[in-house]
Amino acid sequence: MSSFFKFKQFLIQQDKSAMKIGTDAVLLGAWCSISHFPVKILDIGSGTGIISLMLAQRSDAETIDAIEIDKNAFEQSVENFEKSFWADRLYCYHCSFQEFVDEISLEEETYDLIVSNPPFYTDDSVTDNESRNKARFTSSLSFEDLLLGVSRILSQNGFFSVIIPFKEEENFVNIANENQLFLTEVCRVQGNLTSELKRSLLTFSFEKSTIKASHLIIETERHKYTQEYINLTKDFYLKM
């Protein structure tokens, strides 16, 4: 796998990060709504920094903060931020989300948009690679801790967007509701026409509203992308 990934407006180095560029991050970075013109954005678990960079490209947000608990991935995010057009708006913090929330809460700061491509593996297939485990497994950040933290630092009119496995959707929504976060938008993702639903893109707010639901299929056949997926990602992928 290449040590870098080139997008239309930025370059991602990924040699230090345990989790390489994947479809999940690109989906979330392209899909999450910025129609409420967020001034402050937070990316929980930045990895290579790709979602933060996509949101910097898409929005006029004054501040885009990112958190990364793994040292190598943190260094990778910082490197990618510093080499981008938007270095003056991008900041990365090397800490756990729980530590970050505690500090931000003391200062009574909030974010207008929070995004996360969180760890979601809960089975026993833990590897010997500690960095990869942190990025992949909920033991490093449970859904409960994620949603509790978001509820503490999301602005009253803000939105929280996340991508998780489809099979976890109902459980995740229930935990969100317990934290007074309510589903406003969902997009369920299929790899192709015959595959099972794979991912759920979800947006929450403190306000109850009619849920906007959609469905996205990525490919019609191998490397033949649907028009919907092309429309969603064409501002980023070189060959779209």
Protein backbone atom coordinates (compact mmCIF):
# COMPACT_ATOMS: atom_id res chain seq x y z
CA MET A 1 0.00 0.00 0.00
CA SER A 2 1.27 3.48 -0.88
CA SER A 3 2.63 5.65 1.93
CA PHE A 4 0.52 8.54 0.65
CA PHE A 5 -2.90 9.15 -0.90
CA LYS A 6 -3.47 12.14 -3.17
CA PHE A 7 -6.81 13.94 -3.22
CA LYS A 8 -7.76 16.88 -5.45
CA GLN A 9 -6.83 19.57 -2.94
CA PHE A 10 -4.61 17.83 -0.39
CA LEU A 11 -2.17 14.97 0.15
CA ILE A 12 -2.45 12.42 2.94
CA GLN A 13 0.71 10.76 4.24
CA GLN A 14 -0.28 7.49 5.94
CA ASP A 15 2.98 5.69 6.69
CA LYS A 16 2.76 6.28 10.48
CA SER A 17 -0.95 5.67 11.00
CA ALA A 18 -2.22 2.17 11.82
CA MET A 19 -5.46 2.83 9.95
CA LYS A 20 -4.96 3.75 6.30
CA ILE A 21 -7.30 5.76 4.09
CA GLY A 22 -10.61 3.94 3.80
CA THR A 23 -14.05 4.43 2.32
CA ASP A 24 -15.66 5.01 5.74
CA ALA A 25 -13.73 8.21 6.44
CA VAL A 26 -14.31 9.56 2.93
CA LEU A 27 -18.03 8.82 3.20
CA LEU A 28 -18.36 10.66 6.50
CA GLY A 29 -16.23 13.61 5.45
CA ALA A 30 -18.25 14.08 2.27
CA TRP A 31 -21.72 13.28 3.68
CA CYS A 32 -21.99 15.13 7.01
CA SER A 33 -23.98 18.32 6.67
CA ILE A 34 -22.41 21.76 7.03
CA SER A 35 -25.60 23.59 6.01
CA HIS A 36 -25.75 25.18 9.48
CA PHE A 37 -22.38 26.88 8.78
CA PRO A 38 -20.39 25.54 11.76
CA VAL A 39 -17.80 27.91 13.20
CA LYS A 40 -16.10 25.29 15.39
CA ILE A 41 -15.70 21.63 14.34
CA LEU A 42 -14.30 18.68 16.28
CA ASP A 43 -13.03 15.42 14.74
CA ILE A 44 -12.82 12.58 17.30
CA GLY A 45 -10.10 10.05 16.42
CA SER A 46 -8.44 11.82 13.51
CA GLY A 47 -6.16 9.02 12.30
CA THR A 48 -4.46 10.50 9.24
CA GLY A 49 -6.54 13.68 9.55
CA ILE A 50 -8.55 13.01 6.41
CA ILE A 51 -12.01 13.95 7.75
CA SER A 52 -10.72 17.22 9.23
CA LEU A 53 -9.06 18.06 5.92
CA MET A 54 -12.22 17.28 3.96
CA LEU A 55 -14.22 19.55 6.25
CA ALA A 56 -11.60 22.28 5.92
CA GLN A 57 -12.03 22.04 2.15
CA ARG A 58 -15.83 22.04 2.35
CA SER A 59 -16.45 24.69 5.01
CA ASP A 60 -15.43 28.14 6.22
CA ALA A 61 -15.18 26.96 9.84
CA GLU A 62 -12.75 29.14 11.79
CA THR A 63 -11.49 26.27 13.93
CA ILE A 64 -11.27 22.55 13.18
CA ASP A 65 -9.92 20.65 16.17
CA ALA A 66 -8.97 16.98 16.05
CA ILE A 67 -8.21 14.48 18.81
CA GLU A 68 -6.00 11.43 18.42
CA ILE A 69 -4.94 9.13 21.27
CA ASP A 70 -2.29 7.17 19.32
CA LYS A 71 1.07 8.98 19.18
CA ASN A 72 2.00 7.89 15.65
CA ALA A 73 -1.41 8.78 14.23
CA PHE A 74 -1.33 12.12 16.09
CA GLU A 75 2.02 12.94 14.47
CA GLN A 76 0.61 11.91 11.10
CA SER A 77 -2.40 14.21 11.48
CA VAL A 78 -0.18 17.14 12.48
CA GLU A 79 2.08 16.52 9.47
CA ASN A 80 -0.86 16.38 7.06
CA PHE A 81 -2.48 19.47 8.58
CA GLU A 82 0.72 21.52 8.39
CA LYS A 83 1.22 20.71 4.71
CA SER A 84 -2.35 21.61 3.70
CA PHE A 85 -3.86 24.89 2.45
CA TRP A 86 -5.78 25.19 5.72
CA ALA A 87 -2.97 24.78 8.29
CA ASP A 88 -4.03 27.93 10.14
CA ARG A 89 -7.48 26.45 10.91
CA LEU A 90 -6.49 22.88 11.82
CA TYR A 91 -5.30 21.74 15.26
CA CYS A 92 -4.67 18.27 16.63
CA TYR A 93 -4.52 17.25 20.30
CA HIS A 94 -2.76 14.13 21.56
CA CYS A 95 -5.09 12.87 24.28
CA SER A 96 -8.07 10.63 24.94
CA PHE A 97 -11.54 11.92 24.16
CA GLN A 98 -12.50 11.62 27.82
CA GLU A 99 -9.56 13.82 28.88
CA PHE A 100 -10.41 16.35 26.18
CA VAL A 101 -14.07 16.53 27.23
CA ASP A 102 -13.16 17.09 30.87
CA GLU A 103 -10.89 20.00 29.97
CA ILE A 104 -13.25 21.59 27.42
CA SER A 105 -16.18 21.29 29.83
CA LEU A 106 -14.29 23.28 32.48
CA GLU A 107 -13.84 26.07 29.95
CA GLU A 108 -17.50 25.74 28.89
CA GLU A 109 -16.49 25.52 25.23
CA THR A 110 -18.75 23.81 22.69
CA TYR A 111 -18.63 22.72 19.05
CA ASP A 112 -21.17 23.39 16.29
CA LEU A 113 -20.29 20.15 14.49
CA ILE A 114 -18.69 17.02 15.92
CA VAL A 115 -17.72 14.12 13.66
CA SER A 116 -16.29 10.70 14.38
CA ASN A 117 -15.30 7.54 12.55
CA PRO A 118 -15.02 5.67 15.85
CA PRO A 119 -13.55 2.29 16.76
CA PHE A 120 -16.37 -0.24 16.55
CA TYR A 121 -14.95 -3.77 16.73
CA THR A 122 -16.15 -5.54 19.87
CA ASP A 123 -15.15 -9.15 19.16
CA ASP A 124 -12.05 -11.03 20.27
CA SER A 125 -9.96 -10.51 17.14
CA VAL A 126 -7.54 -8.13 18.86
CA THR A 127 -4.15 -8.03 17.16
CA ASP A 128 -0.62 -7.60 18.50
CA ASN A 129 -0.55 -4.11 17.00
CA GLU A 130 -1.50 -1.74 19.84
CA SER A 131 -1.97 1.26 17.53
CA ARG A 132 -4.32 -0.69 15.27
CA ASN A 133 -6.28 -1.95 18.28
CA LYS A 134 -6.79 1.61 19.53
CA ALA A 135 -8.14 2.62 16.14
CA ARG A 136 -10.40 -0.40 15.67
CA PHE A 137 -11.75 -1.62 19.01
CA THR A 138 -14.38 -0.08 21.28
CA SER A 139 -12.26 -0.88 24.34
CA SER A 140 -10.36 2.35 23.54
CA LEU A 141 -13.56 4.42 23.24
CA SER A 142 -16.94 2.83 23.89
CA PHE A 143 -20.12 4.09 22.25
CA GLU A 144 -21.34 5.06 25.74
CA ASP A 145 -18.26 7.20 26.44
CA LEU A 146 -18.37 8.71 22.95
CA LEU A 147 -22.01 9.77 23.17
CA LEU A 148 -21.78 10.99 26.76
CA GLY A 149 -18.79 13.14 25.82
CA VAL A 150 -20.48 14.52 22.72
CA SER A 151 -23.56 15.47 24.75
CA ARG A 152 -21.33 17.53 27.06
CA ILE A 153 -19.51 19.60 24.42
CA LEU A 154 -21.95 19.87 21.49
CA SER A 155 -23.51 23.32 21.16
CA GLN A 156 -27.26 23.53 21.77
CA ASN A 157 -27.96 23.93 18.04
CA GLY A 158 -25.07 21.73 16.92
CA PHE A 159 -24.94 18.39 15.09
CA PHE A 160 -23.01 15.17 15.63
CA SER A 161 -22.28 12.92 12.64
CA VAL A 162 -20.81 9.43 12.77
CA ILE A 163 -20.30 6.31 10.65
CA ILE A 164 -20.82 2.87 12.24
CA PRO A 165 -21.67 -0.68 11.12
CA PHE A 166 -25.33 -1.00 10.11
CA LYS A 167 -25.78 -3.82 12.64
CA GLU A 168 -24.87 -1.37 15.45
CA GLU A 169 -27.33 1.34 14.35
CA GLU A 170 -30.25 0.53 16.66
CA ASN A 171 -28.01 0.15 19.71
CA PHE A 172 -26.14 3.37 18.93
CA VAL A 173 -29.37 5.36 18.47
CA ASN A 174 -30.70 4.05 21.80
CA ILE A 175 -27.53 5.12 23.64
CA ALA A 176 -27.71 8.52 21.92
CA ASN A 177 -31.31 8.98 23.08
CA GLU A 178 -30.23 8.28 26.66
CA ASN A 179 -27.89 11.27 26.28
CA GLN A 180 -30.66 13.49 24.82
CA LEU A 181 -29.22 13.18 21.31
CA PHE A 182 -31.84 12.43 18.66
CA LEU A 183 -31.44 11.09 15.14
CA THR A 184 -32.12 13.69 12.46
CA GLU A 185 -30.61 12.03 9.38
CA VAL A 186 -29.52 8.54 8.35
CA CYS A 187 -27.92 7.16 5.19
CA ARG A 188 -27.54 3.39 4.96
CA VAL A 189 -24.71 2.19 2.75
CA GLN A 190 -24.37 -0.91 0.57
CA GLY A 191 -21.16 -1.91 -1.18
CA ASN A 192 -23.07 -3.09 -4.28
CA LEU A 193 -26.57 -4.07 -5.39
CA THR A 194 -26.42 -7.59 -3.96
CA SER A 195 -24.38 -7.06 -0.78
CA GLU A 196 -25.84 -6.58 2.69
CA LEU A 197 -26.18 -3.15 4.24
CA LYS A 198 -22.70 -2.41 5.58
CA ARG A 199 -22.60 1.03 7.19
CA SER A 200 -24.91 3.65 8.68
CA LEU A 201 -24.12 7.34 8.45
CA LEU A 202 -25.97 9.06 11.29
CA THR A 203 -26.53 12.66 12.35
CA PHE A 204 -27.87 13.66 15.76
CA SER A 205 -28.95 16.87 17.47
CA PHE A 206 -30.58 17.90 20.75
CA GLU A 207 -33.79 18.72 18.86
CA LYS A 208 -36.29 16.02 17.91
CA SER A 209 -37.29 16.24 14.25
CA THR A 210 -38.54 14.18 11.33
CA ILE A 211 -35.74 11.81 10.36
CA LYS A 212 -34.38 12.26 6.84
CA ALA A 213 -33.50 8.81 5.50
CA SER A 214 -31.54 7.85 2.38
CA HIS A 215 -29.75 4.86 0.87
CA LEU A 216 -26.41 4.78 -0.94
CA ILE A 217 -24.94 2.02 -3.12
CA ILE A 218 -21.24 2.49 -3.84
CA GLU A 219 -20.59 0.22 -6.87
CA THR A 220 -22.63 -1.39 -9.63
CA GLU A 221 -19.69 -3.75 -10.20
CA ARG A 222 -16.03 -3.81 -9.15
CA HIS A 223 -14.57 -0.30 -9.65
CA LYS A 224 -17.72 0.88 -11.45
CA TYR A 225 -19.21 3.49 -9.17
CA THR A 226 -22.82 4.61 -8.95
CA GLN A 227 -23.66 8.18 -9.93
CA GLU A 228 -24.75 8.90 -6.34
CA TYR A 229 -21.34 7.89 -4.98
CA ILE A 230 -19.56 9.86 -7.69
CA ASN A 231 -21.64 12.95 -6.88
CA LEU A 232 -20.84 12.60 -3.19
CA THR A 233 -17.06 12.18 -3.55
CA LYS A 234 -16.13 13.91 -6.81
CA ASP A 235 -14.75 17.02 -5.07
CA PHE A 236 -12.11 14.82 -3.40
CA TYR A 237 -11.12 11.75 -5.42
CA LEU A 238 -8.78 12.48 -8.35
CA LYS A 239 -10.47 10.03 -10.72
CA MET A 240 -14.10 10.88 -9.99
